Amino acid sequence: MDTLKFTFIVKAYAEDPKSNVIVLTSITTQDNKSYIMPEQYQTMDHHKELASTTSYRQIQNTLKKRGQTRNIHIRLPKDISKLYKDEAGNMIFKDYVLEEVS
């Protein structure tokens, strides 16, 4: 099992600016390398497997107001981990190589 740190933020929902949505903005590895999730993949619609974890349900219960942010470590089983890391250890999502930030 891999443990990754995910950053979640409450933002205005693009289709209805009066509504809020929790988005995944970045992922940090165990060696403290951070990777930005592209804007088109930030909504949790794209992360159904991650959204099914107990840790994400805790985030949903915690984040209520626009602008709130939480970083949370989530231990991922191999089937979910492979959605975010390829065989070589590169951070990816849906065949998109994530950008590393310093």
N, C-alpha and C. Protein backbone atom coordinates (compact mmCIF):
# COMPACT_ATOMS: atom_id res chain seq x y z
N MET A 1 0.83 -1.20 0.00
CA MET A 1 0.00 0.00 0.00
C MET A 1 0.87 1.24 0.00
N ASP A 2 0.49 2.20 -0.82
CA ASP A 2 1.16 3.50 -0.86
C ASP A 2 0.40 4.49 0.01
N THR A 3 1.12 5.40 0.63
CA THR A 3 0.50 6.50 1.35
C THR A 3 0.87 7.78 0.63
N LEU A 4 -0.15 8.53 0.22
CA LEU A 4 0.06 9.81 -0.45
C LEU A 4 -0.70 10.88 0.32
N LYS A 5 -0.20 12.12 0.25
CA LYS A 5 -0.89 13.24 0.89
C LYS A 5 -1.66 13.99 -0.19
N PHE A 6 -2.95 14.15 0.02
CA PHE A 6 -3.82 14.83 -0.93
C PHE A 6 -4.25 16.17 -0.35
N THR A 7 -4.30 17.19 -1.20
CA THR A 7 -4.77 18.51 -0.78
C THR A 7 -6.14 18.75 -1.39
N PHE A 8 -7.12 19.00 -0.51
CA PHE A 8 -8.49 19.26 -0.94
C PHE A 8 -8.86 20.69 -0.57
N ILE A 9 -9.60 21.35 -1.47
CA ILE A 9 -10.04 22.73 -1.25
C ILE A 9 -11.51 22.83 -1.63
N VAL A 10 -12.26 23.65 -0.91
CA VAL A 10 -13.65 23.94 -1.28
C VAL A 10 -13.64 25.15 -2.19
N LYS A 11 -14.21 24.98 -3.39
CA LYS A 11 -14.28 26.07 -4.38
C LYS A 11 -15.71 26.24 -4.85
N ALA A 12 -15.95 27.33 -5.58
CA ALA A 12 -17.24 27.53 -6.22
C ALA A 12 -17.39 26.52 -7.35
N TYR A 13 -18.56 25.94 -7.48
CA TYR A 13 -18.83 24.98 -8.54
C TYR A 13 -18.95 25.75 -9.85
N ALA A 14 -18.20 25.35 -10.86
CA ALA A 14 -18.14 26.08 -12.13
C ALA A 14 -19.51 26.23 -12.79
N GLU A 15 -20.34 25.19 -12.71
CA GLU A 15 -21.64 25.22 -13.37
C GLU A 15 -22.69 25.98 -12.57
N ASP A 16 -22.47 26.16 -11.28
CA ASP A 16 -23.39 26.90 -10.42
C ASP A 16 -22.56 27.60 -9.35
N PRO A 17 -22.10 28.83 -9.63
CA PRO A 17 -21.19 29.53 -8.72
C PRO A 17 -21.71 29.72 -7.29
N LYS A 18 -23.02 29.54 -7.07
CA LYS A 18 -23.56 29.66 -5.71
C LYS A 18 -23.34 28.39 -4.90
N SER A 19 -22.99 27.31 -5.58
CA SER A 19 -22.75 26.03 -4.91
C SER A 19 -21.27 25.80 -4.69
N ASN A 20 -20.95 25.01 -3.67
CA ASN A 20 -19.56 24.66 -3.37
C ASN A 20 -19.27 23.24 -3.83
N VAL A 21 -18.00 22.98 -4.11
CA VAL A 21 -17.54 21.65 -4.49
C VAL A 21 -16.15 21.44 -3.90
N ILE A 22 -15.88 20.22 -3.46
CA ILE A 22 -14.54 19.87 -2.96
C ILE A 22 -13.72 19.39 -4.14
N VAL A 23 -12.52 19.96 -4.30
CA VAL A 23 -11.65 19.58 -5.40
C VAL A 23 -10.30 19.11 -4.87
N LEU A 24 -9.67 18.25 -5.65
CA LEU A 24 -8.33 17.74 -5.35
C LEU A 24 -7.34 18.58 -6.14
N THR A 25 -6.50 19.35 -5.44
CA THR A 25 -5.60 20.27 -6.14
C THR A 25 -4.18 19.78 -6.28
N SER A 26 -3.73 18.93 -5.34
CA SER A 26 -2.36 18.43 -5.45
C SER A 26 -2.19 17.13 -4.68
N ILE A 27 -1.11 16.43 -5.04
CA ILE A 27 -0.74 15.18 -4.39
C ILE A 27 0.73 15.29 -4.00
N THR A 28 1.05 14.89 -2.78
CA THR A 28 2.43 14.90 -2.30
C THR A 28 2.85 13.47 -1.96
N THR A 29 4.03 13.09 -2.43
CA THR A 29 4.54 11.74 -2.19
C THR A 29 5.19 11.66 -0.81
N GLN A 30 5.60 10.47 -0.42
CA GLN A 30 6.24 10.28 0.88
C GLN A 30 7.59 10.96 0.98
N ASP A 31 8.23 11.24 -0.17
CA ASP A 31 9.51 11.96 -0.15
C ASP A 31 9.32 13.47 -0.36
N ASN A 32 8.11 13.97 -0.05
CA ASN A 32 7.76 15.40 -0.07
C ASN A 32 7.84 16.06 -1.44
N LYS A 33 7.63 15.33 -2.50
CA LYS A 33 7.52 15.92 -3.83
C LYS A 33 6.04 16.15 -4.11
N SER A 34 5.70 17.40 -4.48
CA SER A 34 4.31 17.75 -4.71
C SER A 34 4.02 17.85 -6.20
N TYR A 35 2.82 17.43 -6.56
CA TYR A 35 2.39 17.42 -7.96
C TYR A 35 1.01 18.07 -8.05
N ILE A 36 0.87 18.94 -9.04
CA ILE A 36 -0.38 19.67 -9.25
C ILE A 36 -1.34 18.83 -10.08
N MET A 37 -2.60 18.77 -9.64
CA MET A 37 -3.63 18.11 -10.42
C MET A 37 -4.16 19.15 -11.42
N PRO A 38 -4.18 18.82 -12.72
CA PRO A 38 -4.67 19.78 -13.71
C PRO A 38 -6.13 20.16 -13.42
N GLU A 39 -6.49 21.38 -13.73
CA GLU A 39 -7.81 21.89 -13.39
C GLU A 39 -8.94 21.03 -13.94
N GLN A 40 -8.76 20.49 -15.13
CA GLN A 40 -9.83 19.69 -15.74
C GLN A 40 -10.07 18.37 -15.00
N TYR A 41 -9.15 17.95 -14.12
CA TYR A 41 -9.29 16.71 -13.37
C TYR A 41 -9.45 16.93 -11.87
N GLN A 42 -9.71 18.16 -11.44
CA GLN A 42 -9.74 18.44 -10.00
C GLN A 42 -11.03 18.01 -9.31
N THR A 43 -12.16 18.02 -10.00
CA THR A 43 -13.40 17.66 -9.32
C THR A 43 -13.40 16.18 -8.97
N MET A 44 -14.10 15.84 -7.93
CA MET A 44 -14.09 14.46 -7.44
C MET A 44 -14.85 13.50 -8.35
N ASP A 45 -15.56 14.02 -9.35
CA ASP A 45 -16.19 13.14 -10.35
C ASP A 45 -15.14 12.26 -11.01
N HIS A 46 -13.92 12.77 -11.13
CA HIS A 46 -12.83 12.06 -11.78
C HIS A 46 -12.11 11.10 -10.82
N HIS A 47 -12.42 11.17 -9.55
CA HIS A 47 -11.70 10.40 -8.53
C HIS A 47 -12.66 9.54 -7.71
N LYS A 48 -13.53 8.81 -8.39
CA LYS A 48 -14.56 8.01 -7.71
C LYS A 48 -13.98 6.99 -6.73
N GLU A 49 -12.88 6.36 -7.11
CA GLU A 49 -12.26 5.36 -6.24
C GLU A 49 -11.72 6.00 -4.97
N LEU A 50 -11.08 7.16 -5.12
CA LEU A 50 -10.56 7.89 -3.96
C LEU A 50 -11.72 8.38 -3.09
N ALA A 51 -12.79 8.83 -3.73
CA ALA A 51 -13.96 9.33 -2.99
C ALA A 51 -14.65 8.24 -2.18
N SER A 52 -14.39 6.99 -2.49
CA SER A 52 -15.02 5.89 -1.76
C SER A 52 -14.27 5.52 -0.48
N THR A 53 -13.13 6.16 -0.22
CA THR A 53 -12.34 5.83 0.97
C THR A 53 -12.92 6.51 2.22
N THR A 54 -12.65 5.92 3.36
CA THR A 54 -13.09 6.48 4.64
C THR A 54 -12.47 7.85 4.87
N SER A 55 -11.21 8.00 4.49
CA SER A 55 -10.51 9.29 4.68
C SER A 55 -11.20 10.40 3.91
N TYR A 56 -11.65 10.12 2.69
CA TYR A 56 -12.32 11.16 1.92
C TYR A 56 -13.67 11.50 2.56
N ARG A 57 -14.38 10.52 3.06
CA ARG A 57 -15.66 10.80 3.71
C ARG A 57 -15.45 11.72 4.93
N GLN A 58 -14.32 11.55 5.62
CA GLN A 58 -14.00 12.45 6.74
C GLN A 58 -13.76 13.87 6.23
N ILE A 59 -13.09 13.98 5.09
CA ILE A 59 -12.85 15.30 4.48
C ILE A 59 -14.18 15.96 4.12
N GLN A 60 -15.10 15.19 3.55
CA GLN A 60 -16.42 15.72 3.20
C GLN A 60 -17.14 16.27 4.43
N ASN A 61 -17.00 15.58 5.55
CA ASN A 61 -17.66 16.03 6.78
C ASN A 61 -16.97 17.24 7.39
N THR A 62 -15.71 17.47 7.05
CA THR A 62 -14.91 18.55 7.63
C THR A 62 -15.02 19.84 6.82
N LEU A 63 -14.90 19.73 5.50
CA LEU A 63 -14.87 20.91 4.64
C LEU A 63 -16.28 21.35 4.27
N LYS A 64 -16.68 22.51 4.74
CA LYS A 64 -18.03 23.00 4.49
C LYS A 64 -18.06 24.39 3.85
N LYS A 65 -17.04 25.22 4.15
CA LYS A 65 -17.06 26.61 3.68
C LYS A 65 -16.07 26.82 2.55
N ARG A 66 -16.45 27.64 1.62
CA ARG A 66 -15.59 27.97 0.49
C ARG A 66 -14.25 28.53 0.99
N GLY A 67 -13.17 28.02 0.41
CA GLY A 67 -11.84 28.47 0.78
C GLY A 67 -11.15 27.58 1.80
N GLN A 68 -11.91 26.70 2.46
CA GLN A 68 -11.28 25.79 3.43
C GLN A 68 -10.38 24.80 2.70
N THR A 69 -9.26 24.46 3.33
CA THR A 69 -8.28 23.54 2.75
C THR A 69 -7.88 22.51 3.80
N ARG A 70 -7.65 21.28 3.34
CA ARG A 70 -7.11 20.24 4.22
C ARG A 70 -6.13 19.39 3.43
N ASN A 71 -5.04 19.03 4.12
CA ASN A 71 -4.08 18.06 3.60
C ASN A 71 -4.28 16.80 4.40
N ILE A 72 -4.43 15.68 3.73
CA ILE A 72 -4.67 14.43 4.45
C ILE A 72 -3.89 13.29 3.80
N HIS A 73 -3.27 12.49 4.65
CA HIS A 73 -2.57 11.29 4.17
C HIS A 73 -3.60 10.18 4.00
N ILE A 74 -3.56 9.53 2.86
CA ILE A 74 -4.47 8.42 2.59
C ILE A 74 -3.65 7.22 2.15
N ARG A 75 -3.85 6.11 2.83
CA ARG A 75 -3.19 4.86 2.46
C ARG A 75 -4.03 4.22 1.36
N LEU A 76 -3.41 4.03 0.21
CA LEU A 76 -4.13 3.54 -0.96
C LEU A 76 -3.81 2.08 -1.27
N PRO A 77 -4.85 1.27 -1.47
CA PRO A 77 -4.59 -0.08 -1.95
C PRO A 77 -4.03 -0.02 -3.37
N LYS A 78 -3.40 -1.08 -3.82
CA LYS A 78 -2.74 -1.09 -5.13
C LYS A 78 -3.68 -0.69 -6.27
N ASP A 79 -4.94 -1.14 -6.23
CA ASP A 79 -5.85 -0.83 -7.33
C ASP A 79 -6.13 0.68 -7.45
N ILE A 80 -6.12 1.40 -6.34
CA ILE A 80 -6.30 2.86 -6.39
C ILE A 80 -4.96 3.55 -6.63
N SER A 81 -3.91 3.06 -6.03
CA SER A 81 -2.58 3.66 -6.18
C SER A 81 -2.14 3.71 -7.65
N LYS A 82 -2.48 2.67 -8.41
CA LYS A 82 -2.06 2.64 -9.82
C LYS A 82 -2.76 3.70 -10.66
N LEU A 83 -3.81 4.31 -10.14
CA LEU A 83 -4.47 5.41 -10.85
C LEU A 83 -3.64 6.70 -10.78
N TYR A 84 -2.75 6.77 -9.77
CA TYR A 84 -1.97 7.98 -9.53
C TYR A 84 -0.47 7.80 -9.75
N LYS A 85 0.00 6.56 -9.83
CA LYS A 85 1.42 6.27 -10.05
C LYS A 85 1.56 5.18 -11.09
N ASP A 86 2.48 5.37 -12.03
CA ASP A 86 2.73 4.30 -13.00
C ASP A 86 3.75 3.32 -12.44
N GLU A 87 4.11 2.30 -13.24
CA GLU A 87 5.02 1.25 -12.78
C GLU A 87 6.40 1.80 -12.41
N ALA A 88 6.81 2.89 -13.05
CA ALA A 88 8.13 3.47 -12.80
C ALA A 88 8.13 4.45 -11.62
N GLY A 89 6.95 4.70 -11.04
CA GLY A 89 6.87 5.61 -9.91
C GLY A 89 6.55 7.04 -10.29
N ASN A 90 6.27 7.29 -11.58
CA ASN A 90 5.89 8.63 -12.03
C ASN A 90 4.46 8.93 -11.59
N MET A 91 4.22 10.17 -11.18
CA MET A 91 2.88 10.57 -10.78
C MET A 91 2.08 10.89 -12.03
N ILE A 92 0.97 10.19 -12.19
CA ILE A 92 0.12 10.34 -13.37
C ILE A 92 -1.34 10.40 -12.94
N PHE A 93 -2.19 10.80 -13.86
CA PHE A 93 -3.62 10.64 -13.70
C PHE A 93 -4.24 10.59 -15.08
N LYS A 94 -4.93 9.52 -15.38
CA LYS A 94 -5.57 9.31 -16.69
C LYS A 94 -4.60 9.56 -17.84
N ASP A 95 -3.44 8.94 -17.79
CA ASP A 95 -2.39 9.06 -18.82
C ASP A 95 -1.82 10.47 -18.94
N TYR A 96 -2.05 11.32 -17.97
CA TYR A 96 -1.51 12.68 -17.94
C TYR A 96 -0.41 12.69 -16.87
N VAL A 97 0.80 13.05 -17.26
CA VAL A 97 1.91 13.13 -16.30
C VAL A 97 1.76 14.42 -15.50
N LEU A 98 1.68 14.30 -14.18
CA LEU A 98 1.45 15.47 -13.33
C LEU A 98 2.71 16.32 -13.22
N GLU A 99 2.49 17.63 -13.10
CA GLU A 99 3.61 18.58 -13.00
C GLU A 99 4.10 18.66 -11.56
N GLU A 100 5.41 18.49 -11.40
CA GLU A 100 6.02 18.60 -10.08
C GLU A 100 6.25 20.08 -9.76
N VAL A 101 5.95 20.45 -8.53
CA VAL A 101 6.20 21.83 -8.08
C VAL A 101 7.18 21.79 -6.93
N SER A 102 7.92 22.89 -6.77
CA SER A 102 8.91 22.91 -5.69
C SER A 102 8.44 23.74 -4.52
